[in-house]
Structure formats: structure tokens, C-alpha cells
């Protein structure tokens, strides 16, 4: 056998090489990979738990979540304002009104020898009007409206107004600033109907203010 062949036979194989030349076993590489995955999962769970804790703290402070069972800012319960009624001062424009009463028991309104008859029945609303402006003004009964419970609108009967206010002629004249007059506003409504609301107006173009005509 030649010297070259003897040298080849004596060269150590991979398994016979020293410890500094070993290759990493397959099981070691797999364990490292699983360890890396486990670390990533643990970090993810930690971050998710931290975020959930932060949201819970925010809920307790009333800042974010509105989920059931969490503390937070709850809107205060609001109660609808009471609608003005008999005896309550109300304003529209430059007039302050006070409705005293309503009488729906008449079918005719008279003025001396003259009278007018309702097609249904007359509802006479007694009220006062004070001029709270700085100029003289005239109260107009024709600008006033009445409504029943179903929302039907009734206009003022101007002729019945004239007869009903025979002793309250200041109701038909200019009212100076600061002065108050009393009078009656009349509505002709069906016999089966009773107005539940009167809408009082400073003028034909004003927004109006509603007063409840139902007795409490």
C-alpha cells in the first residue's frame, strides 16, 4: 500500500474529530426555536394584560368604556320643565301675560242689545297683559290661538271678543310701557271640545308662549 493511501486511512472521520469541531445536534436547534416562540408568547400575554389593566383603570376613572358594570360618567336625569298654567307670569315679546281662568259654559256673548251666538260653544279666557317694553303697544286678540288635546287649532272670535270686553275697553287701546290691562279672549269651539292650551302672542309674527288651560 502506498504512503498516500495509508495517510487517507489514518485521517479521522467527522465523528472522530475533537470536541472543538462538533456540529450542533438537531434536537438542540429545535429546543432553541421553541424557546424563542415561548418568549414571544409570554411577552405578548404580558402586554395584553397590561393594556387590559390600563383600560380598567380608565373605566374606573369614568374616562372611556361605557360597558355595563363599569363606573363612569352617567348623564344626569333631566326632568321636562313644567308648562306654565293659571296664575303663572309668562312673556312673549314685549308683553307679560297672566292667565286667570277659562269659562266654556256659554253659547252666546252679549253687549247690551247685541249678541253673537257660537257655532259650537264659546270658551272665554280671562287674562292680563303688561307692557314690559319701552314703547306703547296694542294687544290683539286675533293673534291668540287655542289648541285641544289632539292638537286641533282654534282661532280667536274677534266679534265675541268685542262683546265680551265691553267693560274693558283699555284692552283695545294702546298700552303704555309698564301698564297692565285685563280682558277676555274668546274662542268658538265644537261642543265636544275643550281647549287645553292657549298660545299667547305679542303680535302676529312673534313665536308665542303656551299656557296650560287644564285645571290641576
C-alpha atoms as a PDB file:
ATOM      1  CA  UNK A   1       0.000   0.000   0.000  1.00  0.00           C
ATOM      2  CA  UNK A   2       1.340   3.377  -0.934  1.00  0.00           C
ATOM      3  CA  UNK A   3       2.095   6.099   1.565  1.00  0.00           C
ATOM      4  CA  UNK A   4      -0.773   8.276   0.207  1.00  0.00           C
ATOM      5  CA  UNK A   5      -3.332   5.520   0.822  1.00  0.00           C
ATOM      6  CA  UNK A   6      -2.070   4.989   4.368  1.00  0.00           C
ATOM      7  CA  UNK A   7      -2.447   8.713   5.057  1.00  0.00           C
ATOM      8  CA  UNK A   8      -6.064   8.698   3.810  1.00  0.00           C
ATOM      9  CA  UNK A   9      -6.910   5.732   6.012  1.00  0.00           C
ATOM     10  CA  UNK A  10      -5.489   7.365   9.093  1.00  0.00           C
ATOM     11  CA  UNK A  11      -7.396  10.729   8.581  1.00  0.00           C
ATOM     12  CA  UNK A  12     -10.080  10.928  11.314  1.00  0.00           C
ATOM     13  CA  UNK A  13     -13.763  10.942  10.318  1.00  0.00           C
ATOM     14  CA  UNK A  14     -16.274  13.606  11.397  1.00  0.00           C
ATOM     15  CA  UNK A  15     -17.273  11.580  14.467  1.00  0.00           C
ATOM     16  CA  UNK A  16     -13.613  11.067  15.446  1.00  0.00           C
ATOM     17  CA  UNK A  17     -12.797  14.803  15.397  1.00  0.00           C
ATOM     18  CA  UNK A  18     -12.169  16.638  18.595  1.00  0.00           C
ATOM     19  CA  UNK A  19     -14.826  18.452  20.656  1.00  0.00           C
ATOM     20  CA  UNK A  20     -13.999  21.838  19.064  1.00  0.00           C
ATOM     21  CA  UNK A  21     -15.233  20.638  15.692  1.00  0.00           C
ATOM     22  CA  UNK A  22     -18.621  19.078  16.659  1.00  0.00           C
ATOM     23  CA  UNK A  23     -21.785  20.081  14.809  1.00  0.00           C
ATOM     24  CA  UNK A  24     -24.904  21.134  16.841  1.00  0.00           C
ATOM     25  CA  UNK A  25     -27.342  18.241  17.348  1.00  0.00           C
ATOM     26  CA  UNK A  26     -30.729  18.561  15.672  1.00  0.00           C
ATOM     27  CA  UNK A  27     -32.629  18.379  18.999  1.00  0.00           C
ATOM     28  CA  UNK A  28     -30.712  21.406  20.318  1.00  0.00           C
ATOM     29  CA  UNK A  29     -31.770  23.588  17.343  1.00  0.00           C
ATOM     30  CA  UNK A  30     -35.411  22.580  17.780  1.00  0.00           C
ATOM     31  CA  UNK A  31     -35.362  23.389  21.520  1.00  0.00           C
ATOM     32  CA  UNK A  32     -33.942  26.838  20.823  1.00  0.00           C
ATOM     33  CA  UNK A  33     -36.703  27.551  18.306  1.00  0.00           C
ATOM     34  CA  UNK A  34     -39.444  26.538  20.762  1.00  0.00           C
ATOM     35  CA  UNK A  35     -37.817  28.608  23.496  1.00  0.00           C
ATOM     36  CA  UNK A  36     -37.915  31.680  21.237  1.00  0.00           C
ATOM     37  CA  UNK A  37     -41.588  31.094  20.461  1.00  0.00           C
ATOM     38  CA  UNK A  38     -42.355  30.729  24.171  1.00  0.00           C
ATOM     39  CA  UNK A  39     -40.624  34.017  24.981  1.00  0.00           C
ATOM     40  CA  UNK A  40     -42.614  35.831  22.284  1.00  0.00           C
ATOM     41  CA  UNK A  41     -45.902  34.357  23.593  1.00  0.00           C
ATOM     42  CA  UNK A  42     -45.093  35.330  27.187  1.00  0.00           C
ATOM     43  CA  UNK A  43     -44.247  38.900  26.134  1.00  0.00           C
ATOM     44  CA  UNK A  44     -47.487  39.121  24.153  1.00  0.00           C
ATOM     45  CA  UNK A  45     -49.549  37.891  27.123  1.00  0.00           C
ATOM     46  CA  UNK A  46     -47.823  40.372  29.431  1.00  0.00           C
ATOM     47  CA  UNK A  47     -48.518  43.291  27.109  1.00  0.00           C
ATOM     48  CA  UNK A  48     -52.159  42.261  26.659  1.00  0.00           C
ATOM     49  CA  UNK A  49     -52.642  42.018  30.430  1.00  0.00           C
ATOM     50  CA  UNK A  50     -51.041  45.437  30.919  1.00  0.00           C
ATOM     51  CA  UNK A  51     -53.311  47.006  28.296  1.00  0.00           C
ATOM     52  CA  UNK A  52     -56.440  45.432  29.852  1.00  0.00           C
ATOM     53  CA  UNK A  53     -55.408  46.744  33.258  1.00  0.00           C
ATOM     54  CA  UNK A  54     -54.960  50.202  31.802  1.00  0.00           C
ATOM     55  CA  UNK A  55     -58.460  50.128  30.242  1.00  0.00           C
ATOM     56  CA  UNK A  56     -59.972  49.003  33.543  1.00  0.00           C
ATOM     57  CA  UNK A  57     -58.291  51.891  35.325  1.00  0.00           C
ATOM     58  CA  UNK A  58     -59.598  54.285  32.692  1.00  0.00           C
ATOM     59  CA  UNK A  59     -63.109  52.892  33.153  1.00  0.00           C
ATOM     60  CA  UNK A  60     -62.909  53.369  36.910  1.00  0.00           C
ATOM     61  CA  UNK A  61     -61.937  56.991  36.362  1.00  0.00           C
ATOM     62  CA  UNK A  62     -65.036  57.441  34.149  1.00  0.00           C
ATOM     63  CA  UNK A  63     -62.974  58.244  31.053  1.00  0.00           C
ATOM     64  CA  UNK A  64     -63.565  55.571  28.445  1.00  0.00           C
ATOM     65  CA  UNK A  65     -65.673  52.440  28.480  1.00  0.00           C
ATOM     66  CA  UNK A  66     -69.433  52.510  28.900  1.00  0.00           C
ATOM     67  CA  UNK A  67     -69.700  48.747  29.364  1.00  0.00           C
ATOM     68  CA  UNK A  68     -72.235  47.514  31.939  1.00  0.00           C
ATOM     69  CA  UNK A  69     -70.855  47.238  35.453  1.00  0.00           C
ATOM     70  CA  UNK A  70     -68.149  49.856  34.925  1.00  0.00           C
ATOM     71  CA  UNK A  71     -68.024  53.129  36.742  1.00  0.00           C
ATOM     72  CA  UNK A  72     -68.251  56.178  34.519  1.00  0.00           C
ATOM     73  CA  UNK A  73     -69.895  59.489  33.923  1.00  0.00           C
ATOM     74  CA  UNK A  74     -73.652  58.979  33.800  1.00  0.00           C
ATOM     75  CA  UNK A  75     -75.820  61.712  32.304  1.00  0.00           C
ATOM     76  CA  UNK A  76     -77.893  63.429  34.939  1.00  0.00           C
ATOM     77  CA  UNK A  77     -81.592  62.635  34.733  1.00  0.00           C
ATOM     78  CA  UNK A  78     -83.375  65.639  33.278  1.00  0.00           C
ATOM     79  CA  UNK A  79     -86.970  66.426  34.034  1.00  0.00           C
ATOM     80  CA  UNK A  80     -89.078  68.165  31.434  1.00  0.00           C
ATOM     81  CA  UNK A  81     -89.892  71.704  32.535  1.00  0.00           C
ATOM     82  CA  UNK A  82     -93.451  72.248  33.789  1.00  0.00           C
ATOM     83  CA  UNK A  83     -95.676  74.034  31.335  1.00  0.00           C
ATOM     84  CA  UNK A  84     -96.954  77.390  32.637  1.00  0.00           C
ATOM     85  CA  UNK A  85    -100.525  77.267  33.939  1.00  0.00           C
ATOM     86  CA  UNK A  86    -103.146  79.521  35.524  1.00  0.00           C
ATOM     87  CA  UNK A  87    -101.561  82.326  37.553  1.00  0.00           C
ATOM     88  CA  UNK A  88     -98.061  81.942  36.091  1.00  0.00           C
ATOM     89  CA  UNK A  89     -96.497  85.059  34.527  1.00  0.00           C
ATOM     90  CA  UNK A  90     -95.244  84.330  31.009  1.00  0.00           C
ATOM     91  CA  UNK A  91     -93.652  86.542  28.391  1.00  0.00           C
ATOM     92  CA  UNK A  92     -93.708  86.778  24.650  1.00  0.00           C
ATOM     93  CA  UNK A  93     -92.054  89.752  23.034  1.00  0.00           C
ATOM     94  CA  UNK A  94     -92.862  92.924  24.958  1.00  0.00           C
ATOM     95  CA  UNK A  95     -95.904  91.568  26.825  1.00  0.00           C
ATOM     96  CA  UNK A  96     -96.077  89.706  30.120  1.00  0.00           C
ATOM     97  CA  UNK A  97     -99.253  87.636  30.401  1.00  0.00           C
ATOM     98  CA  UNK A  98    -101.068  86.015  33.307  1.00  0.00           C
ATOM     99  CA  UNK A  99    -103.995  83.695  32.525  1.00  0.00           C
ATOM    100  CA  UNK A 100    -106.556  83.785  35.351  1.00  0.00           C
ATOM    101  CA  UNK A 101    -109.282  81.327  34.292  1.00  0.00           C
ATOM    102  CA  UNK A 102    -111.315  79.852  31.425  1.00  0.00           C
ATOM    103  CA  UNK A 103    -115.108  79.527  31.124  1.00  0.00           C
ATOM    104  CA  UNK A 104    -116.552  77.239  28.443  1.00  0.00           C
ATOM    105  CA  UNK A 105    -120.168  77.369  29.612  1.00  0.00           C
ATOM    106  CA  UNK A 106    -121.546  79.969  27.199  1.00  0.00           C
ATOM    107  CA  UNK A 107    -123.148  79.654  23.802  1.00  0.00           C
ATOM    108  CA  UNK A 108    -123.828  83.398  23.391  1.00  0.00           C
ATOM    109  CA  UNK A 109    -121.959  86.590  24.270  1.00  0.00           C
ATOM    110  CA  UNK A 110    -123.943  89.818  24.605  1.00  0.00           C
ATOM    111  CA  UNK A 111    -123.227  93.543  24.629  1.00  0.00           C
ATOM    112  CA  UNK A 112    -126.346  95.446  25.570  1.00  0.00           C
ATOM    113  CA  UNK A 113    -128.967  94.574  22.977  1.00  0.00           C
ATOM    114  CA  UNK A 114    -126.442  92.923  20.710  1.00  0.00           C
ATOM    115  CA  UNK A 115    -125.310  89.347  20.929  1.00  0.00           C
ATOM    116  CA  UNK A 116    -123.389  86.741  18.988  1.00  0.00           C
ATOM    117  CA  UNK A 117    -124.021  83.009  19.057  1.00  0.00           C
ATOM    118  CA  UNK A 118    -121.371  80.327  18.862  1.00  0.00           C
ATOM    119  CA  UNK A 119    -121.475  77.653  16.205  1.00  0.00           C
ATOM    120  CA  UNK A 120    -120.407  75.261  18.959  1.00  0.00           C
ATOM    121  CA  UNK A 121    -119.672  76.859  22.314  1.00  0.00           C
ATOM    122  CA  UNK A 122    -117.657  79.842  23.499  1.00  0.00           C
ATOM    123  CA  UNK A 123    -114.572  79.364  25.676  1.00  0.00           C
ATOM    124  CA  UNK A 124    -113.732  82.679  27.336  1.00  0.00           C
ATOM    125  CA  UNK A 125    -110.172  83.033  28.647  1.00  0.00           C
ATOM    126  CA  UNK A 126    -109.641  85.828  31.203  1.00  0.00           C
ATOM    127  CA  UNK A 127    -106.104  87.204  31.338  1.00  0.00           C
ATOM    128  CA  UNK A 128    -103.941  90.250  31.922  1.00  0.00           C
ATOM    129  CA  UNK A 129    -101.253  91.786  29.725  1.00  0.00           C
ATOM    130  CA  UNK A 130     -98.458  94.060  30.965  1.00  0.00           C
ATOM    131  CA  UNK A 131     -96.312  96.097  28.605  1.00  0.00           C
ATOM    132  CA  UNK A 132     -92.704  95.359  29.618  1.00  0.00           C
ATOM    133  CA  UNK A 133     -91.226  97.232  26.649  1.00  0.00           C
ATOM    134  CA  UNK A 134     -90.275 100.871  26.256  1.00  0.00           C
ATOM    135  CA  UNK A 135     -92.930 101.806  23.691  1.00  0.00           C
ATOM    136  CA  UNK A 136     -96.738 101.819  23.657  1.00  0.00           C
ATOM    137  CA  UNK A 137     -98.275  98.673  22.237  1.00  0.00           C
ATOM    138  CA  UNK A 138    -101.699  97.258  21.352  1.00  0.00           C
ATOM    139  CA  UNK A 139    -102.772  93.807  22.467  1.00  0.00           C
ATOM    140  CA  UNK A 140    -104.508  91.937  19.623  1.00  0.00           C
ATOM    141  CA  UNK A 141    -106.911  89.157  20.475  1.00  0.00           C
ATOM    142  CA  UNK A 142    -106.800  87.948  16.875  1.00  0.00           C
ATOM    143  CA  UNK A 143    -103.135  86.974  17.289  1.00  0.00           C
ATOM    144  CA  UNK A 144    -104.008  84.454  20.006  1.00  0.00           C
ATOM    145  CA  UNK A 145    -104.601  80.733  19.399  1.00  0.00           C
ATOM    146  CA  UNK A 146    -106.075  77.806  21.314  1.00  0.00           C
ATOM    147  CA  UNK A 147    -105.474  74.049  20.947  1.00  0.00           C
ATOM    148  CA  UNK A 148    -107.268  70.957  22.159  1.00  0.00           C
ATOM    149  CA  UNK A 149    -105.680  67.727  23.413  1.00  0.00           C
ATOM    150  CA  UNK A 150    -105.486  66.344  19.858  1.00  0.00           C
ATOM    151  CA  UNK A 151    -103.614  69.435  18.629  1.00  0.00           C
ATOM    152  CA  UNK A 152    -106.514  70.998  16.696  1.00  0.00           C
ATOM    153  CA  UNK A 153    -106.113  74.780  16.435  1.00  0.00           C
ATOM    154  CA  UNK A 154    -108.835  77.338  17.079  1.00  0.00           C
ATOM    155  CA  UNK A 155    -108.708  80.996  16.105  1.00  0.00           C
ATOM    156  CA  UNK A 156    -109.954  83.879  18.174  1.00  0.00           C
ATOM    157  CA  UNK A 157    -113.521  85.094  17.574  1.00  0.00           C
ATOM    158  CA  UNK A 158    -112.970  88.852  17.227  1.00  0.00           C
ATOM    159  CA  UNK A 159    -116.689  89.787  17.340  1.00  0.00           C
ATOM    160  CA  UNK A 160    -117.231  87.787  20.523  1.00  0.00           C
ATOM    161  CA  UNK A 161    -114.075  89.459  21.877  1.00  0.00           C
ATOM    162  CA  UNK A 162    -115.579  92.876  21.243  1.00  0.00           C
ATOM    163  CA  UNK A 163    -118.798  91.969  23.058  1.00  0.00           C
ATOM    164  CA  UNK A 164    -117.044  90.224  25.938  1.00  0.00           C
ATOM    165  CA  UNK A 165    -114.775  93.231  26.616  1.00  0.00           C
ATOM    166  CA  UNK A 166    -117.435  95.941  26.735  1.00  0.00           C
ATOM    167  CA  UNK A 167    -116.230  96.970  30.197  1.00  0.00           C
ATOM    168  CA  UNK A 168    -112.544  96.513  29.402  1.00  0.00           C
ATOM    169  CA  UNK A 169    -112.030  98.907  26.531  1.00  0.00           C
ATOM    170  CA  UNK A 170    -108.407  99.510  27.529  1.00  0.00           C
ATOM    171  CA  UNK A 171    -107.823  96.084  26.051  1.00  0.00           C
ATOM    172  CA  UNK A 172    -108.432  97.637  22.651  1.00  0.00           C
ATOM    173  CA  UNK A 173    -106.260 100.709  23.167  1.00  0.00           C
ATOM    174  CA  UNK A 174    -102.561 101.383  23.286  1.00  0.00           C
ATOM    175  CA  UNK A 175    -100.906 100.142  26.445  1.00  0.00           C
ATOM    176  CA  UNK A 176     -98.150 102.433  27.690  1.00  0.00           C
ATOM    177  CA  UNK A 177     -94.853 100.979  28.998  1.00  0.00           C
ATOM    178  CA  UNK A 178     -95.290  99.485  32.469  1.00  0.00           C
ATOM    179  CA  UNK A 179     -99.105  99.489  32.325  1.00  0.00           C
ATOM    180  CA  UNK A 180    -101.238  96.376  32.760  1.00  0.00           C
ATOM    181  CA  UNK A 181    -104.735  95.729  31.425  1.00  0.00           C
ATOM    182  CA  UNK A 182    -107.144  92.859  31.909  1.00  0.00           C
ATOM    183  CA  UNK A 183    -109.591  91.427  29.431  1.00  0.00           C
ATOM    184  CA  UNK A 184    -111.041  88.350  27.776  1.00  0.00           C
ATOM    185  CA  UNK A 185    -110.134  86.338  24.709  1.00  0.00           C
ATOM    186  CA  UNK A 186    -112.944  84.240  23.201  1.00  0.00           C
ATOM    187  CA  UNK A 187    -112.742  81.059  21.109  1.00  0.00           C
ATOM    188  CA  UNK A 188    -115.621  79.326  19.301  1.00  0.00           C
ATOM    189  CA  UNK A 189    -115.002  75.561  19.618  1.00  0.00           C
ATOM    190  CA  UNK A 190    -117.093  72.413  18.991  1.00  0.00           C
ATOM    191  CA  UNK A 191    -119.407  71.447  21.834  1.00  0.00           C
ATOM    192  CA  UNK A 192    -117.493  68.233  22.458  1.00  0.00           C
ATOM    193  CA  UNK A 193    -114.139  70.036  22.649  1.00  0.00           C
ATOM    194  CA  UNK A 194    -112.397  71.934  25.433  1.00  0.00           C
ATOM    195  CA  UNK A 195    -109.115  73.758  24.744  1.00  0.00           C
ATOM    196  CA  UNK A 196    -106.184  72.502  26.783  1.00  0.00           C
ATOM    197  CA  UNK A 197    -103.624  75.125  25.739  1.00  0.00           C
ATOM    198  CA  UNK A 198    -103.670  78.794  24.813  1.00  0.00           C
ATOM    199  CA  UNK A 199    -100.789  80.233  22.783  1.00  0.00           C
ATOM    200  CA  UNK A 200    -100.269  83.890  23.620  1.00  0.00           C
ATOM    201  CA  UNK A 201     -98.584  86.264  21.197  1.00  0.00           C
ATOM    202  CA  UNK A 202     -97.095  89.722  21.428  1.00  0.00           C
ATOM    203  CA  UNK A 203     -98.004  90.119  17.745  1.00  0.00           C
ATOM    204  CA  UNK A 204     -98.914  88.042  14.702  1.00  0.00           C
ATOM    205  CA  UNK A 205     -95.220  87.489  13.942  1.00  0.00           C
ATOM    206  CA  UNK A 206     -93.983  86.522  17.412  1.00  0.00           C
ATOM    207  CA  UNK A 207     -93.076  82.983  18.461  1.00  0.00           C
ATOM    208  CA  UNK A 208     -95.771  82.782  21.148  1.00  0.00           C
ATOM    209  CA  UNK A 209     -95.803  81.221  24.616  1.00  0.00           C
ATOM    210  CA  UNK A 210     -98.104  78.358  25.619  1.00  0.00           C
ATOM    211  CA  UNK A 211    -100.098  78.176  28.837  1.00  0.00           C
ATOM    212  CA  UNK A 212    -101.816  75.043  30.107  1.00  0.00           C
ATOM    213  CA  UNK A 213    -105.583  75.503  30.456  1.00  0.00           C
ATOM    214  CA  UNK A 214    -106.228  72.233  32.280  1.00  0.00           C
ATOM    215  CA  UNK A 215    -107.202  72.619  35.906  1.00  0.00           C
ATOM    216  CA  UNK A 216    -104.963  70.821  38.400  1.00  0.00           C
END
